[in-house]
Amino acid sequence: MERIITSDELSTNMNDILKQARNEDILIKTPEGNIIVIIDLKEYEEFIRLKKEAERSKRFALLKQEAKENAEFNKLTWEEAYALVERAREEVYQEKVRKGKER
């Protein structure tokens, strides 16, 4: 559930509104007409997690498409190209791990 308030109402009733934000999303309409949202921290963290997951999925889809195009160009099977991409991805990951340990 959500509630829309004005920025003036937020200024007047800040403590009460912040308490209410634990149970409902608060949408604040500024005088300029912009909307700002106050949500519970757990909901925000879940939003960020889902956003990062979507970004990773998008990058993986791009890698997959690149692998397919490279496979066709290099006359590799899809499986061979995918194995090359996975090996390269693992090498990059291991390099990051190694650099993290050096610090």
N, C-alpha and C. Protein backbone atom coordinates (compact mmCIF):
# COMPACT_ATOMS: atom_id res chain seq x y z
N MET A 1 0.84 -1.17 0.00
CA MET A 1 0.00 0.00 0.00
C MET A 1 0.89 1.24 0.00
N GLU A 2 0.41 2.29 -0.58
CA GLU A 2 1.19 3.51 -0.64
C GLU A 2 0.34 4.71 -0.25
N ARG A 3 1.02 5.74 0.14
CA ARG A 3 0.35 6.98 0.53
C ARG A 3 1.08 8.14 -0.11
N ILE A 4 0.35 9.06 -0.69
CA ILE A 4 0.95 10.24 -1.32
C ILE A 4 0.74 11.43 -0.40
N ILE A 5 1.85 12.12 -0.13
CA ILE A 5 1.79 13.33 0.69
C ILE A 5 2.55 14.44 0.00
N THR A 6 2.41 15.64 0.51
CA THR A 6 3.17 16.77 -0.02
C THR A 6 4.45 16.93 0.79
N SER A 7 5.41 17.65 0.24
CA SER A 7 6.65 17.90 0.98
C SER A 7 6.37 18.75 2.21
N ASP A 8 5.35 19.62 2.16
CA ASP A 8 4.98 20.41 3.34
C ASP A 8 4.49 19.50 4.46
N GLU A 9 3.67 18.49 4.09
CA GLU A 9 3.17 17.55 5.09
C GLU A 9 4.33 16.77 5.71
N LEU A 10 5.32 16.41 4.89
CA LEU A 10 6.49 15.71 5.41
C LEU A 10 7.23 16.59 6.41
N SER A 11 7.41 17.85 6.09
CA SER A 11 8.11 18.77 6.99
C SER A 11 7.38 18.89 8.32
N THR A 12 6.07 18.94 8.26
CA THR A 12 5.27 19.12 9.46
C THR A 12 5.22 17.87 10.33
N ASN A 13 5.15 16.70 9.69
CA ASN A 13 4.92 15.45 10.43
C ASN A 13 6.03 14.42 10.19
N MET A 14 7.26 14.85 10.12
CA MET A 14 8.38 13.98 9.76
C MET A 14 8.43 12.70 10.58
N ASN A 15 8.42 12.78 11.89
CA ASN A 15 8.56 11.59 12.73
C ASN A 15 7.44 10.59 12.48
N ASP A 16 6.20 11.07 12.44
CA ASP A 16 5.06 10.18 12.21
C ASP A 16 5.15 9.51 10.85
N ILE A 17 5.52 10.27 9.84
CA ILE A 17 5.59 9.73 8.48
C ILE A 17 6.70 8.70 8.36
N LEU A 18 7.83 8.95 9.00
CA LEU A 18 8.92 7.97 8.96
C LEU A 18 8.52 6.67 9.66
N LYS A 19 7.75 6.77 10.72
CA LYS A 19 7.25 5.56 11.39
C LYS A 19 6.28 4.81 10.47
N GLN A 20 5.43 5.55 9.77
CA GLN A 20 4.47 4.93 8.86
C GLN A 20 5.17 4.26 7.69
N ALA A 21 6.36 4.76 7.32
CA ALA A 21 7.10 4.21 6.18
C ALA A 21 7.54 2.78 6.44
N ARG A 22 7.52 2.35 7.69
CA ARG A 22 7.86 0.95 7.99
C ARG A 22 6.78 0.00 7.49
N ASN A 23 5.56 0.50 7.38
CA ASN A 23 4.42 -0.34 7.02
C ASN A 23 3.85 -0.04 5.64
N GLU A 24 4.14 1.13 5.10
CA GLU A 24 3.62 1.48 3.79
C GLU A 24 4.61 2.39 3.07
N ASP A 25 4.57 2.35 1.75
CA ASP A 25 5.42 3.22 0.96
C ASP A 25 4.84 4.63 1.02
N ILE A 26 5.71 5.59 1.20
CA ILE A 26 5.29 6.99 1.25
C ILE A 26 5.82 7.68 0.00
N LEU A 27 4.93 8.24 -0.79
CA LEU A 27 5.30 9.01 -1.97
C LEU A 27 5.13 10.48 -1.64
N ILE A 28 6.20 11.24 -1.86
CA ILE A 28 6.19 12.66 -1.52
C ILE A 28 6.19 13.46 -2.82
N LYS A 29 5.19 14.31 -2.96
CA LYS A 29 5.11 15.17 -4.14
C LYS A 29 5.70 16.52 -3.79
N THR A 30 6.75 16.91 -4.53
CA THR A 30 7.40 18.19 -4.28
C THR A 30 6.62 19.30 -4.97
N PRO A 31 6.89 20.55 -4.59
CA PRO A 31 6.21 21.66 -5.26
C PRO A 31 6.45 21.69 -6.78
N GLU A 32 7.59 21.15 -7.21
CA GLU A 32 7.90 21.10 -8.64
C GLU A 32 7.16 19.98 -9.35
N GLY A 33 6.49 19.13 -8.60
CA GLY A 33 5.75 18.02 -9.20
C GLY A 33 6.50 16.71 -9.22
N ASN A 34 7.72 16.69 -8.72
CA ASN A 34 8.50 15.45 -8.67
C ASN A 34 7.95 14.54 -7.57
N ILE A 35 8.15 13.25 -7.75
CA ILE A 35 7.72 12.29 -6.75
C ILE A 35 8.97 11.62 -6.17
N ILE A 36 9.05 11.59 -4.85
CA ILE A 36 10.14 10.94 -4.13
C ILE A 36 9.49 9.86 -3.26
N VAL A 37 10.15 8.71 -3.12
CA VAL A 37 9.57 7.61 -2.38
C VAL A 37 10.38 7.31 -1.12
N ILE A 38 9.69 7.11 -0.02
CA ILE A 38 10.32 6.62 1.20
C ILE A 38 9.81 5.19 1.38
N ILE A 39 10.75 4.24 1.43
CA ILE A 39 10.38 2.84 1.63
C ILE A 39 11.21 2.26 2.77
N ASP A 40 10.74 1.16 3.29
CA ASP A 40 11.43 0.44 4.35
C ASP A 40 12.80 -0.03 3.85
N LEU A 41 13.80 -0.05 4.71
CA LEU A 41 15.15 -0.43 4.34
C LEU A 41 15.21 -1.83 3.74
N LYS A 42 14.46 -2.78 4.30
CA LYS A 42 14.48 -4.14 3.77
C LYS A 42 13.95 -4.17 2.33
N GLU A 43 12.92 -3.39 2.05
CA GLU A 43 12.39 -3.32 0.69
C GLU A 43 13.42 -2.69 -0.25
N TYR A 44 14.11 -1.66 0.23
CA TYR A 44 15.15 -1.01 -0.57
C TYR A 44 16.27 -1.99 -0.89
N GLU A 45 16.71 -2.73 0.12
CA GLU A 45 17.78 -3.70 -0.09
C GLU A 45 17.35 -4.77 -1.09
N GLU A 46 16.11 -5.21 -1.01
CA GLU A 46 15.59 -6.20 -1.97
C GLU A 46 15.55 -5.60 -3.37
N PHE A 47 15.14 -4.34 -3.47
CA PHE A 47 15.13 -3.67 -4.77
C PHE A 47 16.52 -3.62 -5.37
N ILE A 48 17.51 -3.24 -4.57
CA ILE A 48 18.90 -3.17 -5.05
C ILE A 48 19.39 -4.55 -5.47
N ARG A 49 19.07 -5.58 -4.69
CA ARG A 49 19.47 -6.95 -5.03
C ARG A 49 18.88 -7.36 -6.38
N LEU A 50 17.59 -7.09 -6.56
CA LEU A 50 16.93 -7.45 -7.82
C LEU A 50 17.48 -6.65 -8.99
N LYS A 51 17.79 -5.39 -8.74
CA LYS A 51 18.36 -4.54 -9.79
C LYS A 51 19.73 -5.07 -10.23
N LYS A 52 20.56 -5.45 -9.27
CA LYS A 52 21.88 -6.01 -9.59
C LYS A 52 21.74 -7.33 -10.33
N GLU A 53 20.79 -8.14 -9.88
CA GLU A 53 20.54 -9.43 -10.54
C GLU A 53 20.11 -9.22 -11.99
N ALA A 54 19.26 -8.24 -12.23
CA ALA A 54 18.81 -7.94 -13.59
C ALA A 54 19.97 -7.45 -14.45
N GLU A 55 20.84 -6.62 -13.87
CA GLU A 55 22.01 -6.13 -14.60
C GLU A 55 22.94 -7.29 -14.96
N ARG A 56 23.15 -8.22 -14.02
CA ARG A 56 23.99 -9.39 -14.30
C ARG A 56 23.37 -10.24 -15.40
N SER A 57 22.08 -10.42 -15.33
CA SER A 57 21.39 -11.22 -16.36
C SER A 57 21.53 -10.57 -17.73
N LYS A 58 21.42 -9.25 -17.76
CA LYS A 58 21.56 -8.53 -19.03
C LYS A 58 22.98 -8.69 -19.59
N ARG A 59 23.98 -8.56 -18.70
CA ARG A 59 25.37 -8.73 -19.15
C ARG A 59 25.61 -10.15 -19.63
N PHE A 60 25.06 -11.13 -18.92
CA PHE A 60 25.23 -12.52 -19.32
C PHE A 60 24.58 -12.77 -20.68
N ALA A 61 23.41 -12.18 -20.91
CA ALA A 61 22.74 -12.34 -22.21
C ALA A 61 23.59 -11.74 -23.33
N LEU A 62 24.24 -10.60 -23.05
CA LEU A 62 25.13 -10.00 -24.05
C LEU A 62 26.33 -10.89 -24.31
N LEU A 63 26.91 -11.45 -23.25
CA LEU A 63 28.04 -12.37 -23.42
C LEU A 63 27.63 -13.59 -24.24
N LYS A 64 26.45 -14.09 -23.93
CA LYS A 64 25.94 -15.25 -24.64
C LYS A 64 25.77 -14.96 -26.13
N GLN A 65 25.23 -13.77 -26.44
CA GLN A 65 25.05 -13.37 -27.84
C GLN A 65 26.41 -13.22 -28.52
N GLU A 66 27.35 -12.59 -27.83
CA GLU A 66 28.70 -12.43 -28.40
C GLU A 66 29.34 -13.78 -28.66
N ALA A 67 29.18 -14.70 -27.73
CA ALA A 67 29.74 -16.04 -27.90
C ALA A 67 29.14 -16.72 -29.12
N LYS A 68 27.85 -16.56 -29.29
CA LYS A 68 27.17 -17.17 -30.44
C LYS A 68 27.70 -16.58 -31.75
N GLU A 69 27.82 -15.25 -31.78
CA GLU A 69 28.32 -14.60 -32.99
C GLU A 69 29.77 -14.99 -33.28
N ASN A 70 30.58 -15.04 -32.23
CA ASN A 70 31.98 -15.44 -32.41
C ASN A 70 32.07 -16.91 -32.84
N ALA A 71 31.21 -17.74 -32.30
CA ALA A 71 31.21 -19.16 -32.68
C ALA A 71 30.91 -19.30 -34.16
N GLU A 72 29.93 -18.57 -34.63
CA GLU A 72 29.58 -18.63 -36.05
C GLU A 72 30.75 -18.13 -36.90
N PHE A 73 31.37 -17.03 -36.47
CA PHE A 73 32.48 -16.45 -37.22
C PHE A 73 33.68 -17.38 -37.23
N ASN A 74 33.97 -18.01 -36.09
CA ASN A 74 35.15 -18.87 -35.96
C ASN A 74 34.87 -20.34 -36.25
N LYS A 75 33.66 -20.63 -36.69
CA LYS A 75 33.25 -21.99 -37.02
C LYS A 75 33.36 -22.93 -35.82
N LEU A 76 32.98 -22.41 -34.65
CA LEU A 76 32.95 -23.23 -33.44
C LEU A 76 31.51 -23.65 -33.18
N THR A 77 31.36 -24.75 -32.49
CA THR A 77 30.02 -25.11 -32.05
C THR A 77 29.64 -24.18 -30.91
N TRP A 78 28.36 -24.10 -30.63
CA TRP A 78 27.88 -23.28 -29.51
C TRP A 78 28.53 -23.73 -28.21
N GLU A 79 28.65 -25.02 -28.02
CA GLU A 79 29.23 -25.55 -26.80
C GLU A 79 30.70 -25.15 -26.66
N GLU A 80 31.45 -25.20 -27.75
CA GLU A 80 32.86 -24.81 -27.72
C GLU A 80 33.00 -23.32 -27.38
N ALA A 81 32.18 -22.50 -28.00
CA ALA A 81 32.24 -21.06 -27.74
C ALA A 81 31.84 -20.76 -26.30
N TYR A 82 30.82 -21.43 -25.83
CA TYR A 82 30.36 -21.22 -24.46
C TYR A 82 31.46 -21.63 -23.47
N ALA A 83 32.12 -22.72 -23.74
CA ALA A 83 33.21 -23.18 -22.87
C ALA A 83 34.33 -22.13 -22.83
N LEU A 84 34.62 -21.51 -23.97
CA LEU A 84 35.65 -20.47 -24.01
C LEU A 84 35.23 -19.26 -23.17
N VAL A 85 33.99 -18.87 -23.29
CA VAL A 85 33.48 -17.73 -22.51
C VAL A 85 33.54 -18.05 -21.02
N GLU A 86 33.12 -19.24 -20.64
CA GLU A 86 33.15 -19.63 -19.23
C GLU A 86 34.58 -19.65 -18.70
N ARG A 87 35.49 -20.14 -19.50
CA ARG A 87 36.90 -20.18 -19.07
C ARG A 87 37.43 -18.76 -18.88
N ALA A 88 37.11 -17.87 -19.82
CA ALA A 88 37.55 -16.47 -19.71
C ALA A 88 36.92 -15.80 -18.49
N ARG A 89 35.64 -16.07 -18.25
CA ARG A 89 34.95 -15.49 -17.10
C ARG A 89 35.59 -15.96 -15.80
N GLU A 90 35.95 -17.24 -15.73
CA GLU A 90 36.59 -17.79 -14.54
C GLU A 90 37.98 -17.18 -14.34
N GLU A 91 38.71 -16.96 -15.43
CA GLU A 91 40.03 -16.35 -15.32
C GLU A 91 39.93 -14.92 -14.78
N VAL A 92 38.94 -14.17 -15.25
CA VAL A 92 38.74 -12.81 -14.75
C VAL A 92 38.38 -12.84 -13.27
N TYR A 93 37.51 -13.76 -12.89
CA TYR A 93 37.11 -13.90 -11.48
C TYR A 93 38.33 -14.23 -10.61
N GLN A 94 39.13 -15.20 -11.05
CA GLN A 94 40.31 -15.60 -10.28
C GLN A 94 41.30 -14.44 -10.15
N GLU A 95 41.44 -13.65 -11.19
CA GLU A 95 42.32 -12.48 -11.15
C GLU A 95 41.82 -11.48 -10.10
N LYS A 96 40.52 -11.26 -10.05
CA LYS A 96 39.95 -10.35 -9.05
C LYS A 96 40.19 -10.89 -7.64
N VAL A 97 40.03 -12.19 -7.46
CA VAL A 97 40.26 -12.82 -6.15
C VAL A 97 41.71 -12.66 -5.75
N ARG A 98 42.61 -12.91 -6.70
CA ARG A 98 44.02 -12.80 -6.42
C ARG A 98 44.40 -11.36 -6.04
N LYS A 99 43.86 -10.39 -6.77
CA LYS A 99 44.16 -8.99 -6.46
C LYS A 99 43.61 -8.61 -5.10
N GLY A 100 42.45 -9.15 -4.75
CA GLY A 100 41.86 -8.88 -3.44
C GLY A 100 42.71 -9.41 -2.31
N LYS A 101 43.37 -10.53 -2.52
CA LYS A 101 44.23 -11.14 -1.50
C LYS A 101 45.55 -10.39 -1.36
N GLU A 102 45.98 -9.70 -2.42
CA GLU A 102 47.25 -8.99 -2.39
C GLU A 102 47.17 -7.72 -1.57
N ARG A 103 45.98 -7.20 -1.36
CA ARG A 103 45.82 -5.93 -0.66
C ARG A 103 45.99 -6.05 0.80
